[in-house]
Structure formats: structure tokens, C-alpha cells
Amino acid sequence: MATSKPAAPAGSRSTQRDDVSDGRWPNLLGAAWRRYGQAVRAALEDAGFGDVPVSGSRVIGVLAEEPTTVGELARRLDLTKQAVSKMSDALVDRGYASRSPHDQDRRRLNLALTDRGRLAALVIGRTVKRIDDELLGQFDPDQLAALARGLAGFVGATPSGPDLAPSSPPGPGT
């Protein structure tokens, strides 16, 4: 014999949550992520940067803020050092980034954007802003603040925290 939980009063938080907890969140969040990635990929191709590797736009986004090490990139992007090292090799080989000795530890290398990388970063930044404006235009300020708080709480960050790397757009296929 099946039992059901008692119905929550109409308009309660529980009822509101039940209305949207039908399993569609992973698909909606994934589709939003893909929308960013596809827009960035298309903009890079249109601007002559079609050889940026898949997920390379995320690395370029972080490097646009400041030069950093592979280890720091891995931490900020929540990727393995091996994955970031491979991506870094590709960006260096394709002229988007360069390596130089770290200021305080000569055994470590800093990655920095080249002129070509900075131009690609501008394309990425403009595209992310355009998609941000499209997405965020769907919400009033209170809804937007609640969404930012909710998503940040879910991923264990603050809405404006450094670990969210605001200029790190998604890469296609990630």
C-alpha cells in the first residue's frame, strides 16, 4: 500500500519547491552552460580564433585577469593539473599564451596571455556579457539576487566570491 505525504498548504515554500523539483534542473543548467559555450565558440570562430581548444576559453578567461601557474588554474577551474597542463600546452603552441619563470620560485612557470590571447579574451568577454544580459534580463532584481544566492550556496561559494572566476566563461563541450 502506497503512502503519500500530506499536501503542503498552497503557496508554501514546500509547494513552490515541488512545482520545480521535477528533475529538470540538471537539464536546464546544462542547457544554459551549453548556450554560453556555443556562443563563445561561434564568436571565436567568427573572429578568427577558431583554433582555441575546447575549454580553452575558460583558461583564457582566468589568464585575462592575471598571469598564474598551472596549479592555480587547476584550482580555480576545478580541473586536474594534468588537464590544465595539456590545455596550457595547446594555448602556448597556438600563440594564445606564453610561459615564463615564476617571480618567487624559478621551478614554477607562470602562464600569461600573448597579444593574440588578449584579443581572444576580449571576444570571449563580450560574448559572455551578451549572453549574461540575455539570461539575466529574464529576472527582476530581487529574483536575480535570490538566484545568485541560491546557486552560490549550492556550489559552496559566495555570489561574488573569487572561486567563481567571473571572467571564466564555459568552454564548448564542458
N, C-alpha and C. Protein backbone atom coordinates (compact mmCIF):
# COMPACT_ATOMS: atom_id res chain seq x y z
N MET A 1 0.84 -1.17 0.00
CA MET A 1 0.00 0.00 0.00
C MET A 1 0.89 1.24 0.00
N ALA A 2 0.67 2.12 -0.94
CA ALA A 2 1.48 3.32 -1.08
C ALA A 2 0.96 4.39 -0.13
N THR A 3 1.90 5.11 0.45
CA THR A 3 1.51 6.22 1.29
C THR A 3 1.99 7.49 0.63
N SER A 4 1.26 8.54 0.84
CA SER A 4 1.69 9.81 0.29
C SER A 4 1.85 10.79 1.43
N LYS A 5 2.73 11.72 1.22
CA LYS A 5 2.93 12.72 2.26
C LYS A 5 1.78 13.71 2.21
N PRO A 6 1.46 14.30 3.34
CA PRO A 6 0.36 15.27 3.34
C PRO A 6 0.70 16.47 2.45
N ALA A 7 -0.31 16.99 1.83
CA ALA A 7 -0.12 18.14 0.94
C ALA A 7 0.27 19.36 1.77
N ALA A 8 1.22 20.12 1.24
CA ALA A 8 1.63 21.36 1.89
C ALA A 8 0.59 22.42 1.58
N PRO A 9 0.43 23.37 2.49
CA PRO A 9 -0.52 24.45 2.22
C PRO A 9 -0.16 25.18 0.93
N ALA A 10 -1.17 25.55 0.16
CA ALA A 10 -0.95 26.26 -1.10
C ALA A 10 -0.13 27.52 -0.84
N GLY A 11 0.84 27.75 -1.70
CA GLY A 11 1.67 28.94 -1.59
C GLY A 11 2.85 28.79 -0.66
N SER A 12 2.97 27.64 0.02
CA SER A 12 4.10 27.46 0.93
C SER A 12 5.37 27.20 0.13
N ARG A 13 6.52 27.36 0.82
CA ARG A 13 7.82 27.10 0.17
C ARG A 13 7.89 25.68 -0.34
N SER A 14 7.34 24.74 0.42
CA SER A 14 7.38 23.33 0.02
C SER A 14 6.63 23.12 -1.28
N THR A 15 5.44 23.71 -1.39
CA THR A 15 4.65 23.58 -2.62
C THR A 15 5.39 24.23 -3.78
N GLN A 16 5.97 25.41 -3.56
CA GLN A 16 6.70 26.08 -4.63
C GLN A 16 7.88 25.23 -5.08
N ARG A 17 8.57 24.61 -4.14
CA ARG A 17 9.73 23.78 -4.48
C ARG A 17 9.26 22.55 -5.25
N ASP A 18 8.15 21.94 -4.83
CA ASP A 18 7.64 20.75 -5.52
C ASP A 18 7.27 21.08 -6.96
N ASP A 19 6.83 22.30 -7.21
CA ASP A 19 6.44 22.71 -8.57
C ASP A 19 7.61 22.72 -9.54
N VAL A 20 8.84 22.87 -9.04
CA VAL A 20 10.00 22.94 -9.93
C VAL A 20 11.01 21.82 -9.69
N SER A 21 10.72 20.90 -8.77
CA SER A 21 11.68 19.83 -8.49
C SER A 21 11.31 18.54 -9.20
N ASP A 22 11.03 18.67 -10.47
CA ASP A 22 10.61 17.51 -11.24
C ASP A 22 11.76 16.88 -12.03
N GLY A 23 12.98 17.16 -11.64
CA GLY A 23 14.13 16.57 -12.31
C GLY A 23 14.66 17.35 -13.49
N ARG A 24 14.10 18.51 -13.76
CA ARG A 24 14.54 19.26 -14.95
C ARG A 24 15.76 20.15 -14.68
N TRP A 25 16.14 20.39 -13.42
CA TRP A 25 17.24 21.30 -13.12
C TRP A 25 18.54 20.91 -13.80
N PRO A 26 18.97 19.65 -13.73
CA PRO A 26 20.22 19.31 -14.42
C PRO A 26 20.16 19.64 -15.91
N ASN A 27 19.02 19.38 -16.53
CA ASN A 27 18.89 19.68 -17.96
C ASN A 27 18.89 21.17 -18.23
N LEU A 28 18.19 21.94 -17.39
CA LEU A 28 18.16 23.39 -17.59
C LEU A 28 19.53 24.02 -17.37
N LEU A 29 20.22 23.61 -16.29
CA LEU A 29 21.55 24.16 -16.03
C LEU A 29 22.53 23.75 -17.13
N GLY A 30 22.43 22.50 -17.58
CA GLY A 30 23.29 22.03 -18.66
C GLY A 30 23.03 22.79 -19.95
N ALA A 31 21.76 23.04 -20.24
CA ALA A 31 21.42 23.77 -21.47
C ALA A 31 21.93 25.21 -21.40
N ALA A 32 21.83 25.84 -20.22
CA ALA A 32 22.36 27.20 -20.07
C ALA A 32 23.87 27.20 -20.27
N TRP A 33 24.56 26.23 -19.70
CA TRP A 33 26.01 26.10 -19.84
C TRP A 33 26.38 25.93 -21.32
N ARG A 34 25.65 25.06 -22.00
CA ARG A 34 25.92 24.84 -23.43
C ARG A 34 25.66 26.10 -24.25
N ARG A 35 24.65 26.87 -23.88
CA ARG A 35 24.34 28.11 -24.61
C ARG A 35 25.52 29.07 -24.56
N TYR A 36 26.12 29.21 -23.39
CA TYR A 36 27.31 30.04 -23.27
C TYR A 36 28.43 29.47 -24.13
N GLY A 37 28.69 28.19 -23.98
CA GLY A 37 29.79 27.55 -24.72
C GLY A 37 29.63 27.68 -26.22
N GLN A 38 28.42 27.45 -26.71
CA GLN A 38 28.19 27.55 -28.15
C GLN A 38 28.36 28.98 -28.66
N ALA A 39 27.89 29.94 -27.88
CA ALA A 39 28.02 31.34 -28.27
C ALA A 39 29.49 31.75 -28.30
N VAL A 40 30.26 31.33 -27.29
CA VAL A 40 31.68 31.66 -27.23
C VAL A 40 32.40 31.02 -28.40
N ARG A 41 32.12 29.75 -28.66
CA ARG A 41 32.77 29.03 -29.76
C ARG A 41 32.50 29.73 -31.10
N ALA A 42 31.23 30.10 -31.35
CA ALA A 42 30.87 30.76 -32.60
C ALA A 42 31.55 32.12 -32.72
N ALA A 43 31.58 32.89 -31.63
CA ALA A 43 32.22 34.21 -31.67
C ALA A 43 33.71 34.09 -31.92
N LEU A 44 34.36 33.11 -31.29
CA LEU A 44 35.79 32.90 -31.51
C LEU A 44 36.05 32.53 -32.97
N GLU A 45 35.25 31.65 -33.51
CA GLU A 45 35.42 31.25 -34.91
C GLU A 45 35.23 32.45 -35.84
N ASP A 46 34.18 33.24 -35.60
CA ASP A 46 33.91 34.41 -36.44
C ASP A 46 35.04 35.43 -36.39
N ALA A 47 35.72 35.51 -35.24
CA ALA A 47 36.81 36.48 -35.07
C ALA A 47 38.17 35.94 -35.50
N GLY A 48 38.19 34.72 -36.04
CA GLY A 48 39.45 34.15 -36.49
C GLY A 48 40.23 33.40 -35.43
N PHE A 49 39.55 33.05 -34.34
CA PHE A 49 40.20 32.31 -33.26
C PHE A 49 39.60 30.92 -33.12
N GLY A 50 39.26 30.31 -34.22
CA GLY A 50 38.61 29.00 -34.20
C GLY A 50 39.51 27.89 -33.71
N ASP A 51 40.80 28.16 -33.57
CA ASP A 51 41.71 27.12 -33.09
C ASP A 51 41.87 27.12 -31.57
N VAL A 52 41.10 27.95 -30.85
CA VAL A 52 41.12 27.87 -29.39
C VAL A 52 40.57 26.49 -29.03
N PRO A 53 41.31 25.73 -28.24
CA PRO A 53 40.85 24.38 -27.90
C PRO A 53 39.55 24.39 -27.11
N VAL A 54 38.84 23.26 -27.15
CA VAL A 54 37.65 23.10 -26.33
C VAL A 54 38.06 23.36 -24.89
N SER A 55 37.31 24.13 -24.19
CA SER A 55 37.57 24.57 -22.81
C SER A 55 38.70 25.58 -22.70
N GLY A 56 39.35 25.91 -23.78
CA GLY A 56 40.42 26.89 -23.74
C GLY A 56 39.93 28.27 -23.35
N SER A 57 38.67 28.57 -23.64
CA SER A 57 38.14 29.88 -23.29
C SER A 57 38.09 30.05 -21.78
N ARG A 58 37.92 28.97 -21.03
CA ARG A 58 37.92 29.07 -19.57
C ARG A 58 39.31 29.45 -19.07
N VAL A 59 40.34 28.85 -19.62
CA VAL A 59 41.71 29.16 -19.23
C VAL A 59 42.04 30.60 -19.63
N ILE A 60 41.67 30.98 -20.83
CA ILE A 60 41.91 32.35 -21.30
C ILE A 60 41.20 33.35 -20.39
N GLY A 61 39.98 33.01 -19.95
CA GLY A 61 39.24 33.90 -19.06
C GLY A 61 39.97 34.16 -17.75
N VAL A 62 40.57 33.13 -17.18
CA VAL A 62 41.31 33.31 -15.92
C VAL A 62 42.60 34.08 -16.19
N LEU A 63 43.30 33.72 -17.26
CA LEU A 63 44.56 34.39 -17.57
C LEU A 63 44.35 35.86 -17.94
N ALA A 64 43.16 36.22 -18.38
CA ALA A 64 42.88 37.62 -18.70
C ALA A 64 42.92 38.49 -17.44
N GLU A 65 42.68 37.88 -16.29
CA GLU A 65 42.74 38.62 -15.02
C GLU A 65 44.17 38.86 -14.60
N GLU A 66 45.01 37.81 -14.71
CA GLU A 66 46.42 37.93 -14.33
C GLU A 66 47.15 36.65 -14.70
N PRO A 67 48.44 36.75 -14.95
CA PRO A 67 49.23 35.53 -15.19
C PRO A 67 49.18 34.65 -13.94
N THR A 68 49.25 33.36 -14.13
CA THR A 68 49.19 32.44 -13.00
C THR A 68 49.83 31.11 -13.36
N THR A 69 49.92 30.23 -12.40
CA THR A 69 50.54 28.92 -12.61
C THR A 69 49.49 27.89 -13.00
N VAL A 70 49.97 26.76 -13.52
CA VAL A 70 49.08 25.65 -13.87
C VAL A 70 48.32 25.18 -12.63
N GLY A 71 49.01 25.09 -11.51
CA GLY A 71 48.36 24.65 -10.28
C GLY A 71 47.22 25.56 -9.86
N GLU A 72 47.43 26.88 -9.96
CA GLU A 72 46.39 27.83 -9.60
C GLU A 72 45.23 27.77 -10.61
N LEU A 73 45.55 27.62 -11.88
CA LEU A 73 44.49 27.46 -12.89
C LEU A 73 43.65 26.23 -12.58
N ALA A 74 44.31 25.14 -12.25
CA ALA A 74 43.59 23.89 -11.93
C ALA A 74 42.64 24.10 -10.75
N ARG A 75 43.13 24.79 -9.73
CA ARG A 75 42.29 25.05 -8.57
C ARG A 75 41.09 25.93 -8.93
N ARG A 76 41.36 27.01 -9.64
CA ARG A 76 40.27 27.95 -9.99
C ARG A 76 39.24 27.35 -10.92
N LEU A 77 39.69 26.47 -11.81
CA LEU A 77 38.77 25.89 -12.79
C LEU A 77 38.22 24.53 -12.34
N ASP A 78 38.68 24.06 -11.20
CA ASP A 78 38.27 22.76 -10.67
C ASP A 78 38.54 21.64 -11.68
N LEU A 79 39.77 21.66 -12.19
CA LEU A 79 40.24 20.65 -13.13
C LEU A 79 41.53 20.05 -12.58
N THR A 80 41.96 18.94 -13.14
CA THR A 80 43.23 18.35 -12.72
C THR A 80 44.38 19.16 -13.29
N LYS A 81 45.53 19.09 -12.62
CA LYS A 81 46.72 19.76 -13.13
C LYS A 81 47.09 19.20 -14.50
N GLN A 82 46.88 17.90 -14.69
CA GLN A 82 47.21 17.29 -15.97
C GLN A 82 46.34 17.87 -17.09
N ALA A 83 45.06 18.03 -16.84
CA ALA A 83 44.17 18.60 -17.86
C ALA A 83 44.55 20.04 -18.18
N VAL A 84 44.86 20.82 -17.14
CA VAL A 84 45.23 22.22 -17.36
C VAL A 84 46.59 22.30 -18.05
N SER A 85 47.50 21.41 -17.71
CA SER A 85 48.81 21.40 -18.36
C SER A 85 48.67 21.12 -19.86
N LYS A 86 47.83 20.16 -20.19
CA LYS A 86 47.59 19.83 -21.61
C LYS A 86 46.96 21.03 -22.34
N MET A 87 45.99 21.66 -21.69
CA MET A 87 45.34 22.84 -22.28
C MET A 87 46.34 23.98 -22.44
N SER A 88 47.18 24.16 -21.44
CA SER A 88 48.19 25.21 -21.49
C SER A 88 49.16 24.98 -22.64
N ASP A 89 49.58 23.73 -22.81
CA ASP A 89 50.48 23.40 -23.93
C ASP A 89 49.84 23.81 -25.25
N ALA A 90 48.56 23.48 -25.41
CA ALA A 90 47.86 23.81 -26.66
C ALA A 90 47.77 25.32 -26.86
N LEU A 91 47.46 26.06 -25.78
CA LEU A 91 47.36 27.52 -25.90
C LEU A 91 48.70 28.15 -26.22
N VAL A 92 49.78 27.63 -25.64
CA VAL A 92 51.12 28.13 -25.95
C VAL A 92 51.47 27.80 -27.40
N ASP A 93 51.24 26.56 -27.80
CA ASP A 93 51.56 26.13 -29.17
C ASP A 93 50.80 26.94 -30.22
N ARG A 94 49.59 27.39 -29.89
CA ARG A 94 48.76 28.13 -30.85
C ARG A 94 48.89 29.64 -30.72
N GLY A 95 49.78 30.08 -29.83
CA GLY A 95 50.08 31.51 -29.74
C GLY A 95 49.17 32.33 -28.85
N TYR A 96 48.36 31.68 -28.01
CA TYR A 96 47.46 32.42 -27.12
C TYR A 96 48.08 32.72 -25.77
N ALA A 97 49.08 31.95 -25.38
CA ALA A 97 49.69 32.12 -24.07
C ALA A 97 51.20 31.90 -24.18
N SER A 98 51.90 32.38 -23.18
CA SER A 98 53.34 32.16 -23.10
C SER A 98 53.68 31.73 -21.68
N ARG A 99 54.83 31.11 -21.54
CA ARG A 99 55.31 30.69 -20.23
C ARG A 99 56.53 31.53 -19.85
N SER A 100 56.65 31.81 -18.56
CA SER A 100 57.83 32.50 -18.04
C SER A 100 58.07 32.01 -16.62
N PRO A 101 59.31 32.12 -16.14
CA PRO A 101 59.60 31.69 -14.76
C PRO A 101 58.78 32.49 -13.75
N HIS A 102 58.34 31.82 -12.70
CA HIS A 102 57.60 32.45 -11.62
C HIS A 102 58.54 33.41 -10.89
N ASP A 103 58.02 34.55 -10.45
CA ASP A 103 58.85 35.56 -9.78
C ASP A 103 59.53 35.05 -8.51
N GLN A 104 58.83 34.26 -7.71
CA GLN A 104 59.38 33.84 -6.42
C GLN A 104 59.92 32.41 -6.41
N ASP A 105 59.57 31.60 -7.39
CA ASP A 105 60.01 30.20 -7.40
C ASP A 105 60.36 29.82 -8.83
N ARG A 106 61.62 29.81 -9.16
CA ARG A 106 62.08 29.55 -10.53
C ARG A 106 61.73 28.15 -11.04
N ARG A 107 61.34 27.25 -10.13
CA ARG A 107 60.95 25.90 -10.57
C ARG A 107 59.55 25.89 -11.15
N ARG A 108 58.77 26.92 -10.83
CA ARG A 108 57.39 27.01 -11.32
C ARG A 108 57.35 27.97 -12.51
N LEU A 109 56.35 27.75 -13.36
CA LEU A 109 56.18 28.62 -14.53
C LEU A 109 54.85 29.36 -14.44
N ASN A 110 54.88 30.61 -14.83
CA ASN A 110 53.66 31.39 -14.97
C ASN A 110 53.18 31.29 -16.41
N LEU A 111 51.90 31.27 -16.56
CA LEU A 111 51.28 31.37 -17.88
C LEU A 111 50.69 32.76 -17.99
N ALA A 112 50.84 33.38 -19.14
CA ALA A 112 50.27 34.70 -19.38
C ALA A 112 49.75 34.74 -20.81
N LEU A 113 48.78 35.60 -21.04
CA LEU A 113 48.26 35.75 -22.40
C LEU A 113 49.23 36.53 -23.27
N THR A 114 49.29 36.16 -24.52
CA THR A 114 50.01 36.93 -25.53
C THR A 114 49.04 37.97 -26.09
N ASP A 115 49.50 38.78 -27.02
CA ASP A 115 48.59 39.73 -27.67
C ASP A 115 47.41 38.99 -28.31
N ARG A 116 47.71 37.88 -28.97
CA ARG A 116 46.64 37.08 -29.60
C ARG A 116 45.67 36.58 -28.53
N GLY A 117 46.18 36.14 -27.41
CA GLY A 117 45.34 35.66 -26.31
C GLY A 117 44.47 36.77 -25.74
N ARG A 118 45.04 37.97 -25.62
CA ARG A 118 44.26 39.10 -25.11
C ARG A 118 43.13 39.48 -26.07
N LEU A 119 43.39 39.39 -27.37
CA LEU A 119 42.32 39.66 -28.34
C LEU A 119 41.21 38.61 -28.23
N ALA A 120 41.60 37.35 -28.09
CA ALA A 120 40.60 36.29 -27.91
C ALA A 120 39.81 36.52 -26.61
N ALA A 121 40.49 36.97 -25.56
CA ALA A 121 39.82 37.24 -24.29
C ALA A 121 38.78 38.34 -24.44
N LEU A 122 39.06 39.33 -25.25
CA LEU A 122 38.07 40.40 -25.50
C LEU A 122 36.83 39.83 -26.17
N VAL A 123 37.02 38.97 -27.15
CA VAL A 123 35.89 38.34 -27.85
C VAL A 123 35.08 37.51 -26.85
N ILE A 124 35.77 36.73 -26.03
CA ILE A 124 35.10 35.89 -25.04
C ILE A 124 34.32 36.75 -24.06
N GLY A 125 34.96 37.80 -23.54
CA GLY A 125 34.31 38.68 -22.57
C GLY A 125 33.06 39.35 -23.12
N ARG A 126 33.15 39.86 -24.35
CA ARG A 126 31.98 40.49 -24.98
C ARG A 126 30.85 39.48 -25.17
N THR A 127 31.20 38.27 -25.56
CA THR A 127 30.18 37.25 -25.81
C THR A 127 29.51 36.82 -24.51
N VAL A 128 30.30 36.62 -23.46
CA VAL A 128 29.73 36.24 -22.17
C VAL A 128 28.82 37.35 -21.67
N LYS A 129 29.22 38.60 -21.83
CA LYS A 129 28.37 39.72 -21.39
C LYS A 129 27.05 39.72 -22.16
N ARG A 130 27.11 39.46 -23.45
CA ARG A 130 25.88 39.43 -24.26
C ARG A 130 24.94 38.33 -23.77
N ILE A 131 25.48 37.15 -23.51
CA ILE A 131 24.64 36.05 -23.04
C ILE A 131 24.17 36.32 -21.61
N ASP A 132 25.04 36.88 -20.77
CA ASP A 132 24.63 37.28 -19.42
C ASP A 132 23.42 38.20 -19.50
N ASP A 133 23.52 39.22 -20.34
CA ASP A 133 22.43 40.20 -20.46
C ASP A 133 21.14 39.52 -20.91
N GLU A 134 21.25 38.58 -21.85
CA GLU A 134 20.08 37.84 -22.31
C GLU A 134 19.47 37.03 -21.17
N LEU A 135 20.31 36.30 -20.46
CA LEU A 135 19.84 35.45 -19.37
C LEU A 135 19.31 36.29 -18.21
N LEU A 136 20.10 37.24 -17.76
CA LEU A 136 19.73 38.00 -16.57
C LEU A 136 18.55 38.92 -16.82
N GLY A 137 18.30 39.25 -18.07
CA GLY A 137 17.13 40.06 -18.41
C GLY A 137 15.82 39.33 -18.17
N GLN A 138 15.88 38.05 -17.90
CA GLN A 138 14.69 37.26 -17.62
C GLN A 138 14.20 37.43 -16.18
N PHE A 139 14.99 38.10 -15.34
CA PHE A 139 14.69 38.19 -13.91
C PHE A 139 14.60 39.64 -13.46
N ASP A 140 13.73 39.90 -12.46
CA ASP A 140 13.76 41.21 -11.84
C ASP A 140 14.90 41.19 -10.81
N PRO A 141 15.33 42.36 -10.30
CA PRO A 141 16.49 42.41 -9.40
C PRO A 141 16.37 41.50 -8.18
N ASP A 142 15.20 41.40 -7.56
CA ASP A 142 15.04 40.54 -6.39
C ASP A 142 15.18 39.07 -6.77
N GLN A 143 14.59 38.68 -7.89
CA GLN A 143 14.72 37.30 -8.35
C GLN A 143 16.18 36.97 -8.66
N LEU A 144 16.84 37.91 -9.29
CA LEU A 144 18.23 37.71 -9.66
C LEU A 144 19.11 37.55 -8.42
N ALA A 145 18.89 38.38 -7.41
CA ALA A 145 19.66 38.27 -6.17
C ALA A 145 19.40 36.92 -5.50
N ALA A 146 18.14 36.48 -5.50
CA ALA A 146 17.80 35.19 -4.89
C ALA A 146 18.44 34.05 -5.68
N LEU A 147 18.42 34.13 -6.99
CA LEU A 147 19.03 33.09 -7.82
C LEU A 147 20.54 33.02 -7.56
N ALA A 148 21.20 34.18 -7.51
CA ALA A 148 22.64 34.21 -7.27
C ALA A 148 22.96 33.62 -5.89
N ARG A 149 22.20 33.99 -4.88
CA ARG A 149 22.42 33.44 -3.53
C ARG A 149 22.20 31.93 -3.51
N GLY A 150 21.14 31.50 -4.15
CA GLY A 150 20.82 30.07 -4.16
C GLY A 150 21.87 29.24 -4.88
N LEU A 151 22.26 29.67 -6.07
CA LEU A 151 23.27 28.93 -6.82
C LEU A 151 24.62 28.96 -6.11
N ALA A 152 24.99 30.12 -5.57
CA ALA A 152 26.26 30.22 -4.85
C ALA A 152 26.25 29.32 -3.61
N GLY A 153 25.16 29.31 -2.90
CA GLY A 153 25.06 28.43 -1.74
C GLY A 153 25.14 26.97 -2.12
N PHE A 154 24.53 26.63 -3.23
CA PHE A 154 24.54 25.25 -3.71
C PHE A 154 25.95 24.78 -4.07
N VAL A 155 26.73 25.65 -4.70
CA VAL A 155 28.09 25.26 -5.10
C VAL A 155 29.13 25.59 -4.03
N GLY A 156 28.69 26.15 -2.90
CA GLY A 156 29.61 26.40 -1.80
C GLY A 156 30.48 27.62 -2.00
N ALA A 157 29.93 28.67 -2.54
CA ALA A 157 30.68 29.90 -2.77
C ALA A 157 29.81 31.08 -2.38
N THR A 158 30.34 32.27 -2.54
CA THR A 158 29.54 33.47 -2.36
C THR A 158 29.23 34.01 -3.75
N PRO A 159 28.14 34.74 -3.91
CA PRO A 159 27.77 35.22 -5.25
C PRO A 159 28.87 36.00 -5.96
N SER A 160 29.76 36.64 -5.20
CA SER A 160 30.83 37.38 -5.86
C SER A 160 32.20 36.86 -5.44
N GLY A 161 32.24 35.63 -4.95
CA GLY A 161 33.48 35.08 -4.42
C GLY A 161 34.54 34.85 -5.47
N PRO A 162 35.81 34.87 -5.07
CA PRO A 162 36.91 34.72 -6.02
C PRO A 162 36.94 33.35 -6.69
N ASP A 163 36.39 32.33 -6.04
CA ASP A 163 36.44 30.99 -6.63
C ASP A 163 35.50 30.84 -7.81
N LEU A 164 34.61 31.80 -8.01
CA LEU A 164 33.70 31.71 -9.15
C LEU A 164 34.32 32.24 -10.42
N ALA A 165 35.47 32.84 -10.35
CA ALA A 165 36.21 33.34 -11.52
C ALA A 165 35.26 33.95 -12.54
N PRO A 166 34.73 35.15 -12.27
CA PRO A 166 33.70 35.74 -13.11
C PRO A 166 34.06 35.84 -14.58
N SER A 167 35.33 35.93 -14.93
CA SER A 167 35.65 36.04 -16.35
C SER A 167 35.99 34.68 -16.95
N SER A 168 35.62 33.60 -16.25
CA SER A 168 35.87 32.27 -16.77
C SER A 168 34.62 31.72 -17.44
N PRO A 169 34.44 32.01 -18.70
CA PRO A 169 33.25 31.50 -19.37
C PRO A 169 33.39 30.01 -19.62
N PRO A 170 32.28 29.38 -19.84
CA PRO A 170 32.35 27.97 -20.15
C PRO A 170 33.00 27.73 -21.50
N GLY A 171 33.65 26.64 -21.62
CA GLY A 171 34.19 26.24 -22.91
C GLY A 171 33.22 25.31 -23.58
N PRO A 172 33.16 25.31 -24.87
CA PRO A 172 32.28 24.40 -25.57
C PRO A 172 32.62 22.97 -25.18
N GLY A 173 31.60 22.19 -24.98
CA GLY A 173 31.81 20.79 -24.68
C GLY A 173 32.18 20.51 -23.25
N THR A 174 32.10 21.52 -22.36
CA THR A 174 32.42 21.26 -20.96
C THR A 174 31.18 21.26 -20.12
